[in-house]
Amino acid sequence: MSKTREFRLAQIDNAKQYLESQGYFTANLWHTDDVCQNYNVNQDQALDIIEDAMTSEITIASIFEAIDIIAEENGYENKNEDI
């Protein structure tokens, strides 16, 4: 692996560690290459597609539904439900 790539990966890892220390989940990141491998788009267009996909109502609703299901399966009390 080249020194430039190693440096780039180290910078990404440092950024992820910082975000995790601030409470963000970083284990599932998307890259423009994930779009470009399937569509004939440039990097800016790919980033727009990822942004639209990740901020769509269906994606957000699916994530919150999965969080609810997993939290309940693990016996955690929902603070927003009436007692």
Protein backbone atom coordinates (compact mmCIF):
# COMPACT_ATOMS: atom_id res chain seq x y z
CA MET A 1 0.00 0.00 0.00
CA SER A 2 1.36 3.43 -0.92
CA LYS A 3 2.30 5.97 1.74
CA THR A 4 -0.31 8.38 0.35
CA ARG A 5 -3.08 5.79 0.68
CA GLU A 6 -1.91 4.83 4.18
CA PHE A 7 -1.95 8.50 5.20
CA ARG A 8 -5.43 8.99 3.70
CA LEU A 9 -6.80 5.93 5.50
CA ALA A 10 -5.23 7.10 8.78
CA GLN A 11 -6.92 10.48 8.39
CA ILE A 12 -10.26 8.80 7.74
CA ASP A 13 -9.78 6.56 10.77
CA ASN A 14 -8.95 9.56 12.97
CA ALA A 15 -12.05 11.40 11.75
CA LYS A 16 -14.21 8.34 12.43
CA GLN A 17 -12.76 7.96 15.93
CA TYR A 18 -13.51 11.60 16.69
CA LEU A 19 -17.08 11.33 15.42
CA GLU A 20 -17.61 8.14 17.45
CA SER A 21 -16.34 9.94 20.56
CA GLN A 22 -19.08 12.51 19.92
CA GLY A 23 -21.79 9.83 19.71
CA TYR A 24 -22.00 9.30 15.94
CA PHE A 25 -22.21 5.88 14.29
CA THR A 26 -19.53 5.54 11.62
CA ALA A 27 -19.34 1.83 10.85
CA ASN A 28 -21.58 2.13 7.79
CA LEU A 29 -20.25 4.87 5.54
CA TRP A 30 -21.08 5.25 1.86
CA HIS A 31 -18.65 6.40 -0.81
CA THR A 32 -19.25 7.91 -4.22
CA ASP A 33 -17.66 4.78 -5.69
CA ASP A 34 -20.69 2.84 -4.42
CA VAL A 35 -22.80 4.82 -6.89
CA CYS A 36 -20.24 5.20 -9.69
CA GLN A 37 -19.73 1.44 -9.95
CA ASN A 38 -23.36 1.10 -11.06
CA TYR A 39 -24.20 4.41 -12.74
CA ASN A 40 -22.52 6.66 -15.27
CA VAL A 41 -22.26 9.72 -13.02
CA ASN A 42 -19.48 11.99 -11.80
CA GLN A 43 -18.39 12.31 -8.16
CA ASP A 44 -20.64 15.32 -7.46
CA GLN A 45 -23.68 13.58 -8.93
CA ALA A 46 -22.88 10.43 -6.96
CA LEU A 47 -22.64 12.43 -3.74
CA ASP A 48 -26.00 14.06 -4.48
CA ILE A 49 -27.55 10.62 -5.04
CA ILE A 50 -26.15 9.32 -1.74
CA GLU A 51 -27.37 12.41 0.10
CA ASP A 52 -30.86 12.09 -1.36
CA ALA A 53 -30.97 8.36 -0.57
CA MET A 54 -29.74 8.77 2.99
CA THR A 55 -32.07 11.68 3.79
CA SER A 56 -35.16 10.23 2.11
CA GLU A 57 -38.24 9.69 4.26
CA ILE A 58 -38.24 5.94 3.58
CA THR A 59 -34.58 5.55 4.70
CA ILE A 60 -35.07 7.58 7.87
CA ALA A 61 -38.32 5.77 8.72
CA SER A 62 -36.66 2.38 8.13
CA ILE A 63 -33.74 3.22 10.41
CA PHE A 64 -35.97 4.45 13.24
CA GLU A 65 -38.19 1.36 12.87
CA ALA A 66 -35.13 -0.92 13.05
CA ILE A 67 -33.86 0.97 16.12
CA ASP A 68 -37.25 0.50 17.83
CA ILE A 69 -37.41 -3.21 16.99
CA ILE A 70 -33.87 -3.95 18.16
CA ALA A 71 -34.16 -1.86 21.33
CA GLU A 72 -37.43 -3.58 22.25
CA GLU A 73 -36.00 -7.03 21.48
CA ASN A 74 -33.20 -6.24 23.90
CA GLY A 75 -35.63 -5.17 26.61
CA TYR A 76 -34.96 -1.44 26.59
CA GLU A 77 -37.79 0.81 27.72
CA ASN A 78 -39.02 3.39 25.21
CA LYS A 79 -38.94 6.79 26.94
CA ASN A 80 -41.57 8.17 24.57
CA GLU A 81 -44.32 5.62 25.18
CA ASP A 82 -47.06 6.45 27.66
CA ILE A 83 -46.83 4.40 30.84
